[in-house]
Amino acid sequence: MDLRLLRYFQTVAEEGHMTRAAARLGLQQPPLSQQIKALELQLGLQLFERHPKGVRLTEAGRLLQAETAKILRDMADMQQRMARVAQGEQGRVAVGFTSSAAAHRFTPAALRECRRRYPDIALELSEANAAEITAAVLAHRLDCGLIRVPVSQADDLWFETLFREPVVLALPVDHHLLRGRPVRRTLSLLDLHDEPLILARRPGAPGLYANLLAQCEALGVKPHIAAEVDRMMSNLNLVAAGVGISVVPASMQGSHPDAIVYCPLKEAELLDAPMTLVRRRAAPTGAVATFLALLAELALA
C-alpha cells in the first residue's frame, strides 16, 4: 500500500472536510478525492460517508485511522533513528584494548563520556594483546583499538598516537636493588644487567619490549629473560610473585601495591609508552567517526 495514500487519508480524517484537507496537503480538492476513492477501491471498503458539511469516518474508516496513526508514528520513529545513524549519534562500535591501555584513566573516562553524550551508540568492548587487536581491526572484526606501541604495520591501517606517558620499573617489594635505599629511587637500565626480566610480548613481535631490549643492547646491558606473557597485566602478577622485574607504563602503578615497588627510570625519555589508536585507513563514518572524534577531543583535554 502506498504510504502517501495513508497520509492523505489521515489528513482527511483529521479535518473532516475534503477541501480543508486538500489545502493542508497543498493539493487541489478533486485530485485528493480521487486518491481517497483509489484507496477505498484498493481496500474494497468505504472509508468516509459524505454529507453537506464534509465527510465522516465509517466504522471501517475509524479502524483504518487507528492503524494508520500507528504506522505513521512507526515511520516517523524510524526516520528519526535513521537520521541519528546518519549523523553518527546511533549505531555500534566494536573497540578492542590491551590491558595496559585499559589501565590508563583515559580509557574508562572515554567510554563513560561516550555513553553520556551518545546513549544510542552501543560499544562492544574486548581485551586482547596488540597483535590480536591489530589483526582484528584489519579483518573488520573490530572498528578500532587502543594499544601501546604498534606491533605490525599494514597499508590498510592507520596508527595515531593520542598521547605519551613515561614508563617505570616494577620490582618485587623485597628486591635487592631496593635494600637500604629510598623506595621509588630512580633506577637505570644499567641496573638490569643479569636481572630476571619479565616481558609481555609475542615471540619475535616488536613493541614496547622490543624497544626496551634495543636500549639495553645499546648500553651493553644483558638482562636475563625470565618469562614472556601475552598480557602486560600478567607480567605484573609475576613481578608480585617475585619472578623478576618488568617495565610498564606509569599508569599501571596501582597494581599489587603491597607486593610491587614502582621506580622511575632514568632513561624514560628514550622509552616512553604511547597510547595508540589503530583503525582502518578508510575515512570512518557514522558512529565510528563520532567515537574516534571523541577520543581525539579527550586526548587533547
Protein backbone atom coordinates (compact mmCIF):
# COMPACT_ATOMS: atom_id res chain seq x y z
CA MET A 1 0.00 0.00 0.00
CA ASP A 2 1.24 3.47 -0.90
CA LEU A 3 2.21 5.29 2.29
CA ARG A 4 1.30 8.56 0.60
CA LEU A 5 -2.35 7.42 0.35
CA LEU A 6 -2.39 6.70 4.07
CA ARG A 7 -1.13 10.23 4.80
CA TYR A 8 -3.87 11.64 2.56
CA PHE A 9 -6.46 9.51 4.35
CA GLN A 10 -5.20 10.57 7.79
CA THR A 11 -5.36 14.26 6.88
CA VAL A 12 -8.94 13.97 5.55
CA ALA A 13 -9.95 12.06 8.69
CA GLU A 14 -8.46 14.75 10.93
CA GLU A 15 -10.01 17.65 9.01
CA GLY A 16 -13.39 16.01 8.34
CA HIS A 17 -13.52 18.04 5.14
CA MET A 18 -12.05 17.27 1.74
CA THR A 19 -11.34 20.88 0.72
CA ARG A 20 -9.64 21.82 4.00
CA ALA A 21 -7.59 18.62 3.85
CA ALA A 22 -6.54 19.41 0.27
CA ALA A 23 -5.43 22.90 1.30
CA ARG A 24 -3.41 21.46 4.19
CA LEU A 25 -1.74 18.98 1.85
CA GLY A 26 -1.10 21.59 -0.85
CA LEU A 27 -3.37 19.81 -3.32
CA GLN A 28 -6.48 20.60 -5.26
CA GLN A 29 -9.66 19.06 -3.91
CA PRO A 30 -10.57 16.89 -6.98
CA PRO A 31 -7.20 15.03 -7.11
CA LEU A 32 -7.40 14.38 -3.36
CA SER A 33 -10.92 12.98 -3.69
CA GLN A 34 -9.67 10.72 -6.47
CA GLN A 35 -6.82 9.46 -4.27
CA ILE A 36 -9.23 8.65 -1.43
CA LYS A 37 -11.51 6.78 -3.85
CA ALA A 38 -8.47 4.87 -5.13
CA LEU A 39 -7.65 3.84 -1.55
CA GLU A 40 -11.23 2.72 -0.96
CA LEU A 41 -11.16 0.64 -4.14
CA GLN A 42 -7.84 -0.87 -3.15
CA LEU A 43 -9.22 -1.91 0.24
CA GLY A 44 -12.69 -2.78 -1.00
CA LEU A 45 -14.17 -0.62 1.78
CA GLN A 46 -15.97 2.68 2.12
CA LEU A 47 -13.89 4.83 4.44
CA PHE A 48 -15.94 8.04 4.52
CA GLU A 49 -19.57 8.99 4.45
CA ARG A 50 -20.15 12.20 2.54
CA HIS A 51 -22.51 14.84 3.93
CA PRO A 52 -23.19 18.52 3.10
CA LYS A 53 -20.67 19.87 5.63
CA GLY A 54 -17.87 17.46 4.82
CA VAL A 55 -17.10 13.80 5.47
CA ARG A 56 -17.22 11.46 8.47
CA LEU A 57 -15.44 8.18 9.02
CA THR A 58 -17.26 4.91 8.60
CA GLU A 59 -16.63 2.12 11.09
CA ALA A 60 -14.03 0.71 8.68
CA GLY A 61 -12.54 4.19 8.39
CA ARG A 62 -12.18 4.50 12.17
CA LEU A 63 -10.36 1.17 12.30
CA LEU A 64 -8.07 2.24 9.48
CA GLN A 65 -7.42 5.59 11.19
CA ALA A 66 -6.11 3.81 14.31
CA GLU A 67 -3.89 1.54 12.22
CA THR A 68 -2.69 4.44 10.07
CA ALA A 69 -1.75 6.51 13.13
CA LYS A 70 0.37 3.63 14.39
CA ILE A 71 2.03 3.12 11.00
CA LEU A 72 2.83 6.82 10.61
CA ARG A 73 4.25 7.01 14.16
CA ASP A 74 6.46 3.99 13.46
CA MET A 75 7.62 5.55 10.21
CA ALA A 76 8.43 8.84 11.95
CA ASP A 77 10.37 6.97 14.66
CA MET A 78 12.28 5.03 12.04
CA GLN A 79 13.15 8.20 10.14
CA GLN A 80 14.44 9.77 13.35
CA ARG A 81 16.54 6.71 14.11
CA MET A 82 17.98 6.71 10.60
CA ALA A 83 18.76 10.41 10.93
CA ARG A 84 20.67 9.71 14.16
CA VAL A 85 22.55 6.91 12.40
CA ALA A 86 23.42 9.25 9.52
CA GLN A 87 24.62 11.88 12.00
CA GLY A 88 26.73 9.32 13.87
CA GLU A 89 24.61 9.51 17.03
CA GLN A 90 23.35 5.94 16.89
CA GLY A 91 24.98 2.67 15.90
CA ARG A 92 27.55 0.12 17.04
CA VAL A 93 31.28 0.50 17.61
CA ALA A 94 33.48 -2.55 18.31
CA VAL A 95 36.52 -1.46 20.34
CA GLY A 96 39.49 -3.54 21.46
CA PHE A 97 42.09 -2.55 24.03
CA THR A 98 45.17 -4.00 25.63
CA SER A 99 45.33 -4.46 29.41
CA SER A 100 47.83 -1.61 29.70
CA ALA A 101 45.62 0.71 27.63
CA ALA A 102 42.66 -0.18 29.82
CA ALA A 103 44.68 0.58 32.95
CA HIS A 104 45.12 4.23 31.97
CA ARG A 105 42.36 6.50 33.28
CA PHE A 106 41.85 7.83 29.73
CA THR A 107 40.18 4.63 28.54
CA PRO A 108 37.38 4.23 31.11
CA ALA A 109 36.84 8.01 31.09
CA ALA A 110 36.41 7.98 27.30
CA LEU A 111 33.96 5.08 27.45
CA ARG A 112 31.91 6.81 30.16
CA GLU A 113 31.84 10.07 28.21
CA CYS A 114 30.71 8.30 25.05
CA ARG A 115 27.83 6.70 26.93
CA ARG A 116 26.90 10.03 28.47
CA ARG A 117 26.94 12.03 25.23
CA TYR A 118 25.72 9.33 22.87
CA PRO A 119 23.45 6.90 24.74
CA ASP A 120 22.29 5.37 21.44
CA ILE A 121 25.82 4.29 20.46
CA ALA A 122 26.40 0.70 21.57
CA LEU A 123 30.03 -0.02 22.50
CA GLU A 124 31.17 -3.61 22.10
CA LEU A 125 34.35 -3.98 24.15
CA SER A 126 37.01 -6.68 24.14
CA GLU A 127 40.51 -7.12 25.54
CA ALA A 128 43.41 -8.69 23.68
CA ASN A 129 47.08 -8.07 23.03
CA ALA A 130 48.26 -5.52 20.48
CA ALA A 131 48.89 -8.06 17.73
CA GLU A 132 45.42 -9.59 18.10
CA ILE A 133 43.74 -6.19 18.13
CA THR A 134 45.62 -5.03 15.05
CA ALA A 135 44.67 -8.20 13.17
CA ALA A 136 41.02 -7.86 14.22
CA VAL A 137 40.83 -4.25 13.00
CA LEU A 138 42.39 -5.26 9.69
CA ALA A 139 39.87 -8.13 9.36
CA HIS A 140 36.91 -5.82 10.19
CA ARG A 141 36.11 -7.71 13.40
CA LEU A 142 36.90 -4.53 15.34
CA ASP A 143 36.33 -0.94 14.29
CA CYS A 144 39.29 0.39 16.25
CA GLY A 145 41.65 -0.43 19.08
CA LEU A 146 43.67 1.23 21.82
CA ILE A 147 47.16 -0.24 22.08
CA ARG A 148 50.60 0.91 23.12
CA VAL A 149 53.44 0.51 20.61
CA PRO A 150 52.21 -0.85 17.24
CA VAL A 151 53.37 -4.42 16.69
CA SER A 152 52.77 -4.60 12.94
CA GLN A 153 52.09 -2.31 10.01
CA ALA A 154 49.68 -2.68 7.10
CA ASP A 155 48.79 -0.34 4.24
CA ASP A 156 45.09 -0.51 5.16
CA LEU A 157 45.65 0.54 8.78
CA TRP A 158 46.14 3.94 10.36
CA PHE A 159 48.02 4.36 13.66
CA GLU A 160 47.65 7.60 15.60
CA THR A 161 49.47 8.47 18.82
CA LEU A 162 46.90 10.06 21.14
CA PHE A 163 49.42 10.88 23.90
CA ARG A 164 52.51 9.51 25.62
CA GLU A 165 53.37 8.67 29.23
CA PRO A 166 56.59 7.65 30.98
CA VAL A 167 57.44 4.07 31.87
CA VAL A 168 58.55 2.84 35.30
CA LEU A 169 60.39 -0.19 36.61
CA ALA A 170 58.27 -2.66 38.58
CA LEU A 171 60.24 -4.65 41.19
CA PRO A 172 59.22 -7.16 43.86
CA VAL A 173 59.00 -5.34 47.18
CA ASP A 174 61.92 -7.35 48.61
CA HIS A 175 64.20 -6.98 45.56
CA HIS A 176 67.88 -6.45 46.36
CA LEU A 177 68.02 -3.21 44.32
CA LEU A 178 65.74 -1.66 46.92
CA ARG A 179 67.62 -2.73 50.02
CA GLY A 180 68.90 0.15 52.11
CA ARG A 181 67.73 2.66 49.53
CA PRO A 182 64.75 5.02 49.40
CA VAL A 183 61.62 3.47 47.98
CA ARG A 184 60.93 4.72 44.44
CA ARG A 185 64.56 5.67 43.89
CA THR A 186 65.35 6.32 40.26
CA LEU A 187 66.93 3.28 38.61
CA SER A 188 68.74 2.89 35.31
CA LEU A 189 68.63 0.30 32.57
CA LEU A 190 72.20 -0.43 33.67
CA ASP A 191 70.72 -1.88 36.86
CA LEU A 192 69.00 -4.57 34.78
CA HIS A 193 72.24 -6.33 33.87
CA ASP A 194 71.84 -10.06 34.64
CA GLU A 195 68.50 -9.35 36.33
CA PRO A 196 65.49 -11.62 35.56
CA LEU A 197 63.23 -9.65 33.23
CA ILE A 198 59.56 -10.36 32.52
CA LEU A 199 58.29 -9.32 29.08
CA ALA A 200 54.75 -9.04 27.77
CA ARG A 201 55.13 -9.76 24.10
CA ARG A 202 54.52 -12.36 21.46
CA PRO A 203 57.79 -14.06 20.43
CA GLY A 204 59.51 -12.01 17.76
CA ALA A 205 56.94 -9.21 17.78
CA PRO A 206 58.15 -5.59 18.01
CA GLY A 207 56.64 -3.23 20.54
CA LEU A 208 57.44 -1.62 23.87
CA TYR A 209 59.60 -4.54 25.00
CA ALA A 210 61.45 -4.77 21.72
CA ASN A 211 62.35 -1.09 22.25
CA LEU A 212 63.42 -1.91 25.82
CA LEU A 213 65.73 -4.70 24.66
CA ALA A 214 67.16 -2.45 21.95
CA GLN A 215 68.02 0.22 24.54
CA CYS A 216 69.59 -2.40 26.81
CA GLU A 217 71.72 -3.70 23.95
CA ALA A 218 72.87 -0.17 23.12
CA LEU A 219 74.05 0.20 26.73
CA GLY A 220 75.70 -3.21 26.78
CA VAL A 221 73.14 -4.48 29.29
CA LYS A 222 72.18 -8.13 29.07
CA PRO A 223 69.14 -8.90 31.19
CA HIS A 224 68.01 -12.48 31.69
CA ILE A 225 64.56 -13.12 30.15
CA ALA A 226 62.76 -14.93 32.95
CA ALA A 227 59.31 -15.11 31.35
CA GLU A 228 57.22 -13.90 28.41
CA VAL A 229 53.46 -13.46 28.71
CA ASP A 230 50.67 -12.31 26.39
CA ARG A 231 49.26 -9.55 28.62
CA MET A 232 51.06 -6.73 30.37
CA MET A 233 48.89 -7.23 33.46
CA SER A 234 50.14 -10.83 33.63
CA ASN A 235 53.74 -9.72 33.95
CA LEU A 236 52.82 -7.61 36.99
CA ASN A 237 51.31 -10.70 38.56
CA LEU A 238 54.65 -12.42 38.07
CA VAL A 239 56.55 -9.43 39.47
CA ALA A 240 54.32 -9.56 42.55
CA ALA A 241 55.20 -13.26 42.87
CA GLY A 242 58.91 -12.41 42.88
CA VAL A 243 59.73 -13.94 39.48
CA GLY A 244 61.55 -10.86 38.20
CA ILE A 245 61.48 -7.20 37.13
CA SER A 246 59.38 -5.58 34.44
CA VAL A 247 58.91 -2.21 32.76
CA VAL A 248 55.35 -0.86 32.49
CA PRO A 249 53.57 2.41 31.67
CA ALA A 250 53.34 4.69 34.71
CA SER A 251 49.53 4.44 34.73
CA MET A 252 49.78 0.77 35.82
CA GLN A 253 51.44 1.61 39.15
CA GLY A 254 48.38 0.84 41.23
CA SER A 255 48.58 -2.91 40.67
CA HIS A 256 49.70 -5.07 43.65
CA PRO A 257 50.70 -2.08 45.83
CA ASP A 258 51.74 -4.35 48.72
CA ALA A 259 53.94 -6.59 46.60
CA ILE A 260 55.46 -4.30 43.96
CA VAL A 261 57.55 -1.15 44.16
CA TYR A 262 57.48 1.12 41.11
CA CYS A 263 60.62 3.15 40.46
CA PRO A 264 61.22 5.93 37.94
CA LEU A 265 63.54 5.00 35.08
CA LYS A 266 66.49 7.25 34.27
CA GLU A 267 66.17 6.53 30.54
CA ALA A 268 62.39 7.07 30.50
CA GLU A 269 62.69 9.75 27.82
CA LEU A 270 64.09 7.09 25.47
CA LEU A 271 61.42 4.55 26.32
CA ASP A 272 58.04 6.17 26.88
CA ALA A 273 54.70 4.42 26.41
CA PRO A 274 52.33 5.89 23.81
CA MET A 275 48.58 5.43 23.75
CA THR A 276 47.99 4.49 20.13
CA LEU A 277 44.72 4.38 18.25
CA VAL A 278 44.57 1.83 15.45
CA ARG A 279 41.81 1.95 12.83
CA ARG A 280 41.35 1.24 9.17
CA ARG A 281 42.76 3.89 6.84
CA ALA A 282 39.45 4.47 5.01
CA ALA A 283 37.61 7.52 6.37
CA PRO A 284 35.34 6.42 9.24
CA THR A 285 31.63 7.09 9.07
CA GLY A 286 28.59 7.04 11.36
CA ALA A 287 29.01 6.05 14.99
CA VAL A 288 32.65 5.02 14.45
CA ALA A 289 33.52 8.53 13.23
CA THR A 290 31.74 10.01 16.25
CA PHE A 291 33.62 7.77 18.70
CA LEU A 292 37.01 8.47 17.09
CA ALA A 293 36.36 12.22 17.15
CA LEU A 294 35.54 11.94 20.86
CA LEU A 295 38.81 10.08 21.55
CA ALA A 296 40.77 12.79 19.73
CA GLU A 297 38.98 15.52 21.69
CA LEU A 298 39.56 13.88 25.07
CA ALA A 299 43.21 13.13 24.28
CA LEU A 300 43.80 16.86 23.83
CA ALA A 301 41.94 17.84 27.01
